[in-house]
Amino acid sequence: MRCTQRAHAEHVIAAGGHYLLVVKGNQKKLRKQLRRLPWRQIPLQARTTGARHGRARSAV
């Protein structure tokens, strides 16, 4: 059975989970579609900050 990133994301979402995926620079059509979304209208759900392995990080 071949498991693609899309199939994995669909499985996680169908199970009620959340899935975060990386969109690389060579996916120009997808990046263009994402830029058109109303990101500023989406309310911030949570913000975390911390340090792991000596690196500072901030996540939304």
Protein backbone atom coordinates (compact mmCIF):
# COMPACT_ATOMS: atom_id res chain seq x y z
CA MET A 1 0.00 0.00 0.00
CA ARG A 2 1.35 3.39 -0.98
CA CYS A 3 0.68 6.16 1.53
CA THR A 4 0.84 9.65 0.09
CA GLN A 5 0.95 12.89 2.02
CA ARG A 6 -2.58 13.66 0.82
CA ALA A 7 -3.92 10.27 1.91
CA HIS A 8 -2.26 10.64 5.30
CA ALA A 9 -3.71 14.15 5.79
CA GLU A 10 -7.19 12.97 4.80
CA HIS A 11 -6.96 10.08 7.26
CA VAL A 12 -5.89 12.33 10.14
CA ILE A 13 -8.61 14.89 9.40
CA ALA A 14 -11.31 12.21 9.02
CA ALA A 15 -10.32 10.93 12.47
CA GLY A 16 -10.90 14.41 13.92
CA GLY A 17 -7.26 15.42 14.11
CA HIS A 18 -5.34 18.38 12.76
CA TYR A 19 -2.71 18.19 10.06
CA LEU A 20 -0.05 20.74 9.22
CA LEU A 21 1.75 20.41 5.92
CA VAL A 22 4.72 22.15 4.36
CA VAL A 23 4.26 23.84 0.99
CA LYS A 24 7.56 24.01 -0.84
CA GLY A 25 8.60 26.69 -3.31
CA ASN A 26 8.23 24.39 -6.31
CA GLN A 27 4.45 24.09 -5.69
CA LYS A 28 3.68 27.40 -7.37
CA LYS A 29 -0.02 26.81 -8.08
CA LEU A 30 -0.73 25.74 -4.50
CA ARG A 31 1.28 28.66 -3.06
CA LYS A 32 -0.70 31.07 -5.25
CA GLN A 33 -3.99 29.60 -4.01
CA LEU A 34 -2.84 29.86 -0.39
CA ARG A 35 -1.85 33.52 -0.80
CA ARG A 36 -5.44 34.30 -1.87
CA LEU A 37 -6.99 32.95 1.34
CA PRO A 38 -8.25 35.46 3.95
CA TRP A 39 -5.59 34.65 6.58
CA ARG A 40 -6.14 37.83 8.61
CA GLN A 41 -9.80 36.90 9.16
CA ILE A 42 -8.91 33.61 10.86
CA PRO A 43 -8.84 34.02 14.66
CA LEU A 44 -5.70 32.98 16.51
CA GLN A 45 -6.52 29.79 18.44
CA ALA A 46 -3.35 29.43 20.51
CA ARG A 47 0.24 30.57 20.72
CA THR A 48 3.11 28.73 22.37
CA THR A 49 6.71 29.70 22.93
CA GLY A 50 9.62 27.80 24.31
CA ALA A 51 13.06 26.42 23.71
CA ARG A 52 13.93 22.95 22.51
CA HIS A 53 17.39 21.59 21.95
CA GLY A 54 18.88 25.03 22.59
CA ARG A 55 16.73 26.72 19.94
CA ALA A 56 14.18 29.42 20.61
CA ARG A 57 10.89 28.82 18.88
CA SER A 58 7.47 30.36 18.60
CA ALA A 59 4.43 28.54 17.26
CA VAL A 60 0.95 29.76 16.48
